[in-house]
Amino acid sequence: MQSWQLGVNYRLTPQFTLTFAPIVTRGYESSKRDVRIEGTGILGGMNYRVSEGPLQGMNFFLAADKGREKRDGSTLGDRLNYWDVKMSIQYDFMLK
């Protein structure tokens, strides 16, 4: 299955960024190619980077997308409506 998204980032401050992107999915439910998938969705995300203090370099990312897929003949049902939530915390530091 393929999932495509093309979005925009809006930097509110040097540390805080918002992301919005429409999503399109196309493909098949399994390698047998018996159930075709066609879907759309929207993604919203935010990113915050700590720029000072003892946690300088820490990066927080949180994103959620709402999707709808058409899967005629699927055991999951002909329509699949879902939320997908992702979160990451990354801490960059340099060893000297």
PDB file of N, CA and C in Angstrom:
ATOM      1  N   MET A   1       0.838  -1.174   0.000  1.00  0.00           N
ATOM      2  CA  MET A   1       0.000   0.000   0.000  1.00  0.00           C
ATOM      3  C   MET A   1       0.884   1.239   0.000  1.00  0.00           C
ATOM      4  N   GLN A   2       0.432   2.266  -0.655  1.00  0.00           N
ATOM      5  CA  GLN A   2       1.147   3.541  -0.694  1.00  0.00           C
ATOM      6  C   GLN A   2       0.338   4.597   0.053  1.00  0.00           C
ATOM      7  N   SER A   3       1.053   5.469   0.713  1.00  0.00           N
ATOM      8  CA  SER A   3       0.434   6.590   1.405  1.00  0.00           C
ATOM      9  C   SER A   3       1.210   7.845   1.023  1.00  0.00           C
ATOM     10  N   TRP A   4       0.509   8.842   0.515  1.00  0.00           N
ATOM     11  CA  TRP A   4       1.139  10.084   0.063  1.00  0.00           C
ATOM     12  C   TRP A   4       0.604  11.243   0.883  1.00  0.00           C
ATOM     13  N   GLN A   5       1.493  12.153   1.240  1.00  0.00           N
ATOM     14  CA  GLN A   5       1.066  13.373   1.918  1.00  0.00           C
ATOM     15  C   GLN A   5       1.953  14.529   1.471  1.00  0.00           C
ATOM     16  N   LEU A   6       1.343  15.677   1.341  1.00  0.00           N
ATOM     17  CA  LEU A   6       2.049  16.894   0.976  1.00  0.00           C
ATOM     18  C   LEU A   6       1.447  17.996   1.832  1.00  0.00           C
ATOM     19  N   GLY A   7       2.269  18.610   2.655  1.00  0.00           N
ATOM     20  CA  GLY A   7       1.714  19.556   3.610  1.00  0.00           C
ATOM     21  C   GLY A   7       2.513  20.826   3.745  1.00  0.00           C
ATOM     22  N   VAL A   8       2.122  21.585   4.734  1.00  0.00           N
ATOM     23  CA  VAL A   8       2.786  22.856   5.023  1.00  0.00           C
ATOM     24  C   VAL A   8       3.182  22.890   6.492  1.00  0.00           C
ATOM     25  N   ASN A   9       4.273  23.567   6.765  1.00  0.00           N
ATOM     26  CA  ASN A   9       4.727  23.832   8.130  1.00  0.00           C
ATOM     27  C   ASN A   9       4.580  25.321   8.395  1.00  0.00           C
ATOM     28  N   TYR A  10       4.129  25.658   9.579  1.00  0.00           N
ATOM     29  CA  TYR A  10       4.031  27.050   9.984  1.00  0.00           C
ATOM     30  C   TYR A  10       4.810  27.214  11.276  1.00  0.00           C
ATOM     31  N   ARG A  11       5.873  28.006  11.220  1.00  0.00           N
ATOM     32  CA  ARG A  11       6.725  28.220  12.386  1.00  0.00           C
ATOM     33  C   ARG A  11       6.174  29.389  13.198  1.00  0.00           C
ATOM     34  N   LEU A  12       5.598  29.079  14.357  1.00  0.00           N
ATOM     35  CA  LEU A  12       5.056  30.123  15.228  1.00  0.00           C
ATOM     36  C   LEU A  12       6.161  30.865  15.955  1.00  0.00           C
ATOM     37  N   THR A  13       7.139  30.123  16.457  1.00  0.00           N
ATOM     38  CA  THR A  13       8.324  30.680  17.105  1.00  0.00           C
ATOM     39  C   THR A  13       9.514  29.875  16.583  1.00  0.00           C
ATOM     40  N   PRO A  14      10.742  30.281  16.866  1.00  0.00           N
ATOM     41  CA  PRO A  14      11.880  29.464  16.421  1.00  0.00           C
ATOM     42  C   PRO A  14      11.868  28.044  17.001  1.00  0.00           C
ATOM     43  N   GLN A  15      11.146  27.823  18.102  1.00  0.00           N
ATOM     44  CA  GLN A  15      11.113  26.497  18.724  1.00  0.00           C
ATOM     45  C   GLN A  15       9.842  25.703  18.408  1.00  0.00           C
ATOM     46  N   PHE A  16       8.759  26.352  17.993  1.00  0.00           N
ATOM     47  CA  PHE A  16       7.454  25.694  17.870  1.00  0.00           C
ATOM     48  C   PHE A  16       6.947  25.758  16.436  1.00  0.00           C
ATOM     49  N   THR A  17       6.637  24.584  15.869  1.00  0.00           N
ATOM     50  CA  THR A  17       6.178  24.484  14.485  1.00  0.00           C
ATOM     51  C   THR A  17       4.897  23.665  14.413  1.00  0.00           C
ATOM     52  N   LEU A  18       3.941  24.103  13.591  1.00  0.00           N
ATOM     53  CA  LEU A  18       2.717  23.353  13.314  1.00  0.00           C
ATOM     54  C   LEU A  18       2.781  22.790  11.901  1.00  0.00           C
ATOM     55  N   THR A  19       2.209  21.609  11.700  1.00  0.00           N
ATOM     56  CA  THR A  19       2.203  20.942  10.399  1.00  0.00           C
ATOM     57  C   THR A  19       0.779  20.521  10.053  1.00  0.00           C
ATOM     58  N   PHE A  20       0.380  20.732   8.798  1.00  0.00           N
ATOM     59  CA  PHE A  20      -0.911  20.267   8.287  1.00  0.00           C
ATOM     60  C   PHE A  20      -0.683  19.633   6.925  1.00  0.00           C
ATOM     61  N   ALA A  21      -1.322  18.465   6.694  1.00  0.00           N
ATOM     62  CA  ALA A  21      -1.122  17.781   5.420  1.00  0.00           C
ATOM     63  C   ALA A  21      -2.311  16.885   5.092  1.00  0.00           C
ATOM     64  N   PRO A  22      -2.836  16.973   3.859  1.00  0.00           N
ATOM     65  CA  PRO A  22      -3.809  15.972   3.417  1.00  0.00           C
ATOM     66  C   PRO A  22      -3.075  14.673   3.077  1.00  0.00           C
ATOM     67  N   ILE A  23      -3.760  13.537   3.243  1.00  0.00           N
ATOM     68  CA  ILE A  23      -3.168  12.219   3.008  1.00  0.00           C
ATOM     69  C   ILE A  23      -4.043  11.457   2.019  1.00  0.00           C
ATOM     70  N   VAL A  24      -3.406  10.746   1.082  1.00  0.00           N
ATOM     71  CA  VAL A  24      -4.100   9.873   0.136  1.00  0.00           C
ATOM     72  C   VAL A  24      -3.451   8.499   0.215  1.00  0.00           C
ATOM     73  N   THR A  25      -4.270   7.446   0.382  1.00  0.00           N
ATOM     74  CA  THR A  25      -3.744   6.079   0.406  1.00  0.00           C
ATOM     75  C   THR A  25      -4.363   5.284  -0.735  1.00  0.00           C
ATOM     76  N   ARG A  26      -3.544   4.436  -1.352  1.00  0.00           N
ATOM     77  CA  ARG A  26      -3.975   3.551  -2.433  1.00  0.00           C
ATOM     78  C   ARG A  26      -3.230   2.241  -2.289  1.00  0.00           C
ATOM     79  N   GLY A  27      -3.899   1.154  -2.577  1.00  0.00           N
ATOM     80  CA  GLY A  27      -3.210  -0.128  -2.535  1.00  0.00           C
ATOM     81  C   GLY A  27      -4.160  -1.277  -2.313  1.00  0.00           C
ATOM     82  N   TYR A  28      -3.626  -2.331  -1.728  1.00  0.00           N
ATOM     83  CA  TYR A  28      -4.390  -3.549  -1.482  1.00  0.00           C
ATOM     84  C   TYR A  28      -4.201  -3.985  -0.042  1.00  0.00           C
ATOM     85  N   GLU A  29      -5.206  -4.690   0.488  1.00  0.00           N
ATOM     86  CA  GLU A  29      -5.175  -5.120   1.878  1.00  0.00           C
ATOM     87  C   GLU A  29      -4.136  -6.213   2.117  1.00  0.00           C
ATOM     88  N   SER A  30      -3.885  -7.048   1.120  1.00  0.00           N
ATOM     89  CA  SER A  30      -2.911  -8.135   1.267  1.00  0.00           C
ATOM     90  C   SER A  30      -2.168  -8.336  -0.047  1.00  0.00           C
ATOM     91  N   SER A  31      -1.175  -9.200  -0.011  1.00  0.00           N
ATOM     92  CA  SER A  31      -0.392  -9.470  -1.224  1.00  0.00           C
ATOM     93  C   SER A  31      -1.206 -10.221  -2.272  1.00  0.00           C
ATOM     94  N   LYS A  32      -2.337 -10.783  -1.898  1.00  0.00           N
ATOM     95  CA  LYS A  32      -3.214 -11.470  -2.861  1.00  0.00           C
ATOM     96  C   LYS A  32      -3.935 -10.482  -3.775  1.00  0.00           C
ATOM     97  N   ARG A  33      -3.961  -9.224  -3.397  1.00  0.00           N
ATOM     98  CA  ARG A  33      -4.614  -8.147  -4.154  1.00  0.00           C
ATOM     99  C   ARG A  33      -6.100  -8.401  -4.378  1.00  0.00           C
ATOM    100  N   ASP A  34      -6.758  -8.975  -3.380  1.00  0.00           N
ATOM    101  CA  ASP A  34      -8.184  -9.253  -3.524  1.00  0.00           C
ATOM    102  C   ASP A  34      -9.075  -8.125  -2.998  1.00  0.00           C
ATOM    103  N   VAL A  35      -8.562  -7.277  -2.115  1.00  0.00           N
ATOM    104  CA  VAL A  35      -9.339  -6.153  -1.577  1.00  0.00           C
ATOM    105  C   VAL A  35      -8.563  -4.862  -1.829  1.00  0.00           C
ATOM    106  N   ARG A  36      -9.129  -4.010  -2.676  1.00  0.00           N
ATOM    107  CA  ARG A  36      -8.497  -2.730  -3.009  1.00  0.00           C
ATOM    108  C   ARG A  36      -8.807  -1.700  -1.925  1.00  0.00           C
ATOM    109  N   ILE A  37      -7.814  -0.850  -1.621  1.00  0.00           N
ATOM    110  CA  ILE A  37      -7.963   0.200  -0.610  1.00  0.00           C
ATOM    111  C   ILE A  37      -7.827   1.561  -1.285  1.00  0.00           C
ATOM    112  N   GLU A  38      -8.788   2.435  -1.010  1.00  0.00           N
ATOM    113  CA  GLU A  38      -8.719   3.832  -1.443  1.00  0.00           C
ATOM    114  C   GLU A  38      -9.098   4.682  -0.240  1.00  0.00           C
ATOM    115  N   GLY A  39      -8.201   5.579   0.153  1.00  0.00           N
ATOM    116  CA  GLY A  39      -8.482   6.360   1.348  1.00  0.00           C
ATOM    117  C   GLY A  39      -7.989   7.787   1.272  1.00  0.00           C
ATOM    118  N   THR A  40      -8.529   8.601   2.170  1.00  0.00           N
ATOM    119  CA  THR A  40      -8.097   9.990   2.321  1.00  0.00           C
ATOM    120  C   THR A  40      -8.051  10.316   3.811  1.00  0.00           C
ATOM    121  N   GLY A  41      -7.347  11.364   4.137  1.00  0.00           N
ATOM    122  CA  GLY A  41      -7.262  11.780   5.532  1.00  0.00           C
ATOM    123  C   GLY A  41      -6.605  13.137   5.655  1.00  0.00           C
ATOM    124  N   ILE A  42      -6.489  13.587   6.877  1.00  0.00           N
ATOM    125  CA  ILE A  42      -5.823  14.859   7.166  1.00  0.00           C
ATOM    126  C   ILE A  42      -4.927  14.662   8.387  1.00  0.00           C
ATOM    127  N   LEU A  43      -3.726  15.211   8.322  1.00  0.00           N
ATOM    128  CA  LEU A  43      -2.757  15.096   9.410  1.00  0.00           C
ATOM    129  C   LEU A  43      -2.507  16.470  10.007  1.00  0.00           C
ATOM    130  N   GLY A  44      -2.437  16.525  11.319  1.00  0.00           N
ATOM    131  CA  GLY A  44      -2.045  17.731  12.039  1.00  0.00           C
ATOM    132  C   GLY A  44      -0.953  17.370  13.028  1.00  0.00           C
ATOM    133  N   GLY A  45       0.076  18.172  13.092  1.00  0.00           N
ATOM    134  CA  GLY A  45       1.180  17.858  13.995  1.00  0.00           C
ATOM    135  C   GLY A  45       1.800  19.104  14.585  1.00  0.00           C
ATOM    136  N   MET A  46       2.555  18.894  15.661  1.00  0.00           N
ATOM    137  CA  MET A  46       3.297  19.998  16.261  1.00  0.00           C
ATOM    138  C   MET A  46       4.661  19.501  16.710  1.00  0.00           C
ATOM    139  N   ASN A  47       5.620  20.395  16.621  1.00  0.00           N
ATOM    140  CA  ASN A  47       6.998  20.082  16.980  1.00  0.00           C
ATOM    141  C   ASN A  47       7.516  21.189  17.897  1.00  0.00           C
ATOM    142  N   TYR A  48       8.167  20.791  18.989  1.00  0.00           N
ATOM    143  CA  TYR A  48       8.763  21.763  19.906  1.00  0.00           C
ATOM    144  C   TYR A  48      10.198  21.349  20.191  1.00  0.00           C
ATOM    145  N   ARG A  49      11.120  22.291  20.043  1.00  0.00           N
ATOM    146  CA  ARG A  49      12.533  22.040  20.304  1.00  0.00           C
ATOM    147  C   ARG A  49      12.983  22.920  21.451  1.00  0.00           C
ATOM    148  N   VAL A  50      13.532  22.288  22.503  1.00  0.00           N
ATOM    149  CA  VAL A  50      14.036  23.021  23.670  1.00  0.00           C
ATOM    150  C   VAL A  50      15.347  23.684  23.269  1.00  0.00           C
ATOM    151  N   SER A  51      15.439  25.008  23.448  1.00  0.00           N
ATOM    152  CA  SER A  51      16.617  25.728  22.958  1.00  0.00           C
ATOM    153  C   SER A  51      17.564  26.196  24.060  1.00  0.00           C
ATOM    154  N   GLU A  52      17.165  26.046  25.316  1.00  0.00           N
ATOM    155  CA  GLU A  52      18.066  26.456  26.402  1.00  0.00           C
ATOM    156  C   GLU A  52      17.776  25.638  27.650  1.00  0.00           C
ATOM    157  N   GLY A  53      18.722  25.674  28.573  1.00  0.00           N
ATOM    158  CA  GLY A  53      18.561  24.929  29.815  1.00  0.00           C
ATOM    159  C   GLY A  53      19.174  23.539  29.732  1.00  0.00           C
ATOM    160  N   PRO A  54      18.980  22.725  30.775  1.00  0.00           N
ATOM    161  CA  PRO A  54      19.616  21.406  30.814  1.00  0.00           C
ATOM    162  C   PRO A  54      19.077  20.438  29.754  1.00  0.00           C
ATOM    163  N   LEU A  55      17.887  20.682  29.219  1.00  0.00           N
ATOM    164  CA  LEU A  55      17.322  19.815  28.178  1.00  0.00           C
ATOM    165  C   LEU A  55      17.499  20.393  26.779  1.00  0.00           C
ATOM    166  N   GLN A  56      18.431  21.315  26.623  1.00  0.00           N
ATOM    167  CA  GLN A  56      18.669  21.930  25.317  1.00  0.00           C
ATOM    168  C   GLN A  56      18.948  20.845  24.282  1.00  0.00           C
ATOM    169  N   GLY A  57      18.277  20.932  23.149  1.00  0.00           N
ATOM    170  CA  GLY A  57      18.433  19.948  22.086  1.00  0.00           C
ATOM    171  C   GLY A  57      17.339  18.894  22.076  1.00  0.00           C
ATOM    172  N   MET A  58      16.497  18.851  23.111  1.00  0.00           N
ATOM    173  CA  MET A  58      15.405  17.875  23.134  1.00  0.00           C
ATOM    174  C   MET A  58      14.311  18.316  22.167  1.00  0.00           C
ATOM    175  N   ASN A  59      13.787  17.360  21.422  1.00  0.00           N
ATOM    176  CA  ASN A  59      12.802  17.622  20.391  1.00  0.00           C
ATOM    177  C   ASN A  59      11.556  16.777  20.665  1.00  0.00           C
ATOM    178  N   PHE A  60      10.384  17.418  20.768  1.00  0.00           N
ATOM    179  CA  PHE A  60       9.113  16.726  20.976  1.00  0.00           C
ATOM    180  C   PHE A  60       8.285  16.839  19.703  1.00  0.00           C
ATOM    181  N   PHE A  61       7.745  15.726  19.221  1.00  0.00           N
ATOM    182  CA  PHE A  61       6.890  15.731  18.036  1.00  0.00           C
ATOM    183  C   PHE A  61       5.624  14.948  18.343  1.00  0.00           C
ATOM    184  N   LEU A  62       4.467  15.533  18.043  1.00  0.00           N
ATOM    185  CA  LEU A  62       3.179  14.878  18.232  1.00  0.00           C
ATOM    186  C   LEU A  62       2.341  15.119  16.986  1.00  0.00           C
ATOM    187  N   ALA A  63       1.802  14.045  16.415  1.00  0.00           N
ATOM    188  CA  ALA A  63       0.972  14.164  15.221  1.00  0.00           C
ATOM    189  C   ALA A  63      -0.224  13.237  15.345  1.00  0.00           C
ATOM    190  N   ALA A  64      -1.339  13.655  14.766  1.00  0.00           N
ATOM    191  CA  ALA A  64      -2.543  12.829  14.708  1.00  0.00           C
ATOM    192  C   ALA A  64      -3.142  12.983  13.323  1.00  0.00           C
ATOM    193  N   ASP A  65      -3.615  11.866  12.776  1.00  0.00           N
ATOM    194  CA  ASP A  65      -4.333  11.977  11.514  1.00  0.00           C
ATOM    195  C   ASP A  65      -5.630  11.189  11.579  1.00  0.00           C
ATOM    196  N   LYS A  66      -6.623  11.710  10.900  1.00  0.00           N
ATOM    197  CA  LYS A  66      -7.942  11.094  10.808  1.00  0.00           C
ATOM    198  C   LYS A  66      -8.083  10.584   9.390  1.00  0.00           C
ATOM    199  N   GLY A  67      -8.338   9.291   9.245  1.00  0.00           N
ATOM    200  CA  GLY A  67      -8.431   8.705   7.918  1.00  0.00           C
ATOM    201  C   GLY A  67      -9.742   7.981   7.688  1.00  0.00           C
ATOM    202  N   ARG A  68     -10.106   7.895   6.410  1.00  0.00           N
ATOM    203  CA  ARG A  68     -11.271   7.123   5.967  1.00  0.00           C
ATOM    204  C   ARG A  68     -10.828   6.304   4.774  1.00  0.00           C
ATOM    205  N   GLU A  69     -11.084   5.003   4.825  1.00  0.00           N
ATOM    206  CA  GLU A  69     -10.703   4.125   3.724  1.00  0.00           C
ATOM    207  C   GLU A  69     -11.903   3.323   3.242  1.00  0.00           C
ATOM    208  N   LYS A  70     -11.957   3.142   1.935  1.00  0.00           N
ATOM    209  CA  LYS A  70     -12.966   2.298   1.303  1.00  0.00           C
ATOM    210  C   LYS A  70     -12.297   0.963   0.996  1.00  0.00           C
ATOM    211  N   ARG A  71     -12.833  -0.135   1.553  1.00  0.00           N
ATOM    212  CA  ARG A  71     -12.254  -1.475   1.396  1.00  0.00           C
ATOM    213  C   ARG A  71     -13.378  -2.458   1.086  1.00  0.00           C
ATOM    214  N   ASP A  72     -13.937  -2.408  -0.098  1.00  0.00           N
ATOM    215  CA  ASP A  72     -15.055  -3.284  -0.459  1.00  0.00           C
ATOM    216  C   ASP A  72     -14.656  -4.751  -0.371  1.00  0.00           C
ATOM    217  N   GLY A  73     -15.401  -5.536   0.437  1.00  0.00           N
ATOM    218  CA  GLY A  73     -15.144  -6.960   0.593  1.00  0.00           C
ATOM    219  C   GLY A  73     -14.172  -7.315   1.697  1.00  0.00           C
ATOM    220  N   SER A  74     -13.732  -6.360   2.487  1.00  0.00           N
ATOM    221  CA  SER A  74     -12.764  -6.612   3.556  1.00  0.00           C
ATOM    222  C   SER A  74     -13.439  -7.249   4.771  1.00  0.00           C
ATOM    223  N   THR A  75     -12.687  -8.071   5.509  1.00  0.00           N
ATOM    224  CA  THR A  75     -13.208  -8.636   6.757  1.00  0.00           C
ATOM    225  C   THR A  75     -13.347  -7.553   7.826  1.00  0.00           C
ATOM    226  N   LEU A  76     -12.655  -6.421   7.651  1.00  0.00           N
ATOM    227  CA  LEU A  76     -12.767  -5.294   8.581  1.00  0.00           C
ATOM    228  C   LEU A  76     -14.001  -4.442   8.311  1.00  0.00           C
ATOM    229  N   GLY A  77     -14.682  -4.694   7.206  1.00  0.00           N
ATOM    230  CA  GLY A  77     -15.835  -3.894   6.803  1.00  0.00           C
ATOM    231  C   GLY A  77     -15.507  -3.104   5.548  1.00  0.00           C
ATOM    232  N   ASP A  78     -16.552  -2.634   4.875  1.00  0.00           N
ATOM    233  CA  ASP A  78     -16.354  -1.911   3.619  1.00  0.00           C
ATOM    234  C   ASP A  78     -15.798  -0.510   3.819  1.00  0.00           C
ATOM    235  N   ARG A  79     -15.978   0.055   4.997  1.00  0.00           N
ATOM    236  CA  ARG A  79     -15.447   1.384   5.323  1.00  0.00           C
ATOM    237  C   ARG A  79     -14.642   1.288   6.608  1.00  0.00           C
ATOM    238  N   LEU A  80     -13.483   1.910   6.617  1.00  0.00           N
ATOM    239  CA  LEU A  80     -12.646   1.934   7.815  1.00  0.00           C
ATOM    240  C   LEU A  80     -12.361   3.393   8.161  1.00  0.00           C
ATOM    241  N   ASN A  81     -12.829   3.831   9.317  1.00  0.00           N
ATOM    242  CA  ASN A  81     -12.579   5.181   9.829  1.00  0.00           C
ATOM    243  C   ASN A  81     -11.661   5.046  11.031  1.00  0.00           C
ATOM    244  N   TYR A  82     -10.563   5.783  11.044  1.00  0.00           N
ATOM    245  CA  TYR A  82      -9.590   5.584  12.120  1.00  0.00           C
ATOM    246  C   TYR A  82      -8.861   6.872  12.468  1.00  0.00           C
ATOM    247  N   TRP A  83      -8.275   6.870  13.663  1.00  0.00           N
ATOM    248  CA  TRP A  83      -7.333   7.886  14.125  1.00  0.00           C
ATOM    249  C   TRP A  83      -5.976   7.224  14.246  1.00  0.00           C
ATOM    250  N   ASP A  84      -4.941   7.908  13.864  1.00  0.00           N
ATOM    251  CA  ASP A  84      -3.569   7.425  14.009  1.00  0.00           C
ATOM    252  C   ASP A  84      -2.800   8.517  14.752  1.00  0.00           C
ATOM    253  N   VAL A  85      -2.216   8.172  15.896  1.00  0.00           N
ATOM    254  CA  VAL A  85      -1.495   9.148  16.713  1.00  0.00           C
ATOM    255  C   VAL A  85      -0.046   8.710  16.838  1.00  0.00           C
ATOM    256  N   LYS A  86       0.871   9.645  16.601  1.00  0.00           N
ATOM    257  CA  LYS A  86       2.306   9.363  16.686  1.00  0.00           C
ATOM    258  C   LYS A  86       2.954  10.374  17.624  1.00  0.00           C
ATOM    259  N   MET A  87       3.935   9.918  18.384  1.00  0.00           N
ATOM    260  CA  MET A  87       4.674  10.821  19.262  1.00  0.00           C
ATOM    261  C   MET A  87       6.121  10.370  19.308  1.00  0.00           C
ATOM    262  N   SER A  88       7.023  11.326  19.301  1.00  0.00           N
ATOM    263  CA  SER A  88       8.437  10.988  19.471  1.00  0.00           C
ATOM    264  C   SER A  88       9.107  12.049  20.334  1.00  0.00           C
ATOM    265  N   ILE A  89      10.066  11.588  21.118  1.00  0.00           N
ATOM    266  CA  ILE A  89      10.907  12.470  21.920  1.00  0.00           C
ATOM    267  C   ILE A  89      12.340  12.122  21.572  1.00  0.00           C
ATOM    268  N   GLN A  90      13.082  13.119  21.134  1.00  0.00           N
ATOM    269  CA  GLN A  90      14.463  12.903  20.698  1.00  0.00           C
ATOM    270  C   GLN A  90      15.355  13.887  21.437  1.00  0.00           C
ATOM    271  N   TYR A  91      16.467  13.394  21.930  1.00  0.00           N
ATOM    272  CA  TYR A  91      17.399  14.257  22.650  1.00  0.00           C
ATOM    273  C   TYR A  91      18.745  14.203  21.946  1.00  0.00           C
ATOM    274  N   ASP A  92      19.113  15.295  21.322  1.00  0.00           N
ATOM    275  CA  ASP A  92      20.396  15.401  20.630  1.00  0.00           C
ATOM    276  C   ASP A  92      21.427  16.007  21.567  1.00  0.00           C
ATOM    277  N   PHE A  93      22.586  15.393  21.639  1.00  0.00           N
ATOM    278  CA  PHE A  93      23.673  15.938  22.438  1.00  0.00           C
ATOM    279  C   PHE A  93      24.988  15.595  21.752  1.00  0.00           C
ATOM    280  N   MET A  94      26.041  16.308  22.128  1.00  0.00           N
ATOM    281  CA  MET A  94      27.341  16.095  21.512  1.00  0.00           C
ATOM    282  C   MET A  94      28.340  15.645  22.571  1.00  0.00           C
ATOM    283  N   LEU A  95      29.032  14.575  22.286  1.00  0.00           N
ATOM    284  CA  LEU A  95      30.103  14.110  23.171  1.00  0.00           C
ATOM    285  C   LEU A  95      31.380  14.846  22.810  1.00  0.00           C
ATOM    286  N   LYS A  96      32.062  15.389  23.796  1.00  0.00           N
ATOM    287  CA  LYS A  96      33.295  16.126  23.516  1.00  0.00           C
ATOM    288  C   LYS A  96      34.467  15.410  24.101  1.00  0.00           C
TER     289      LYS A  96
END
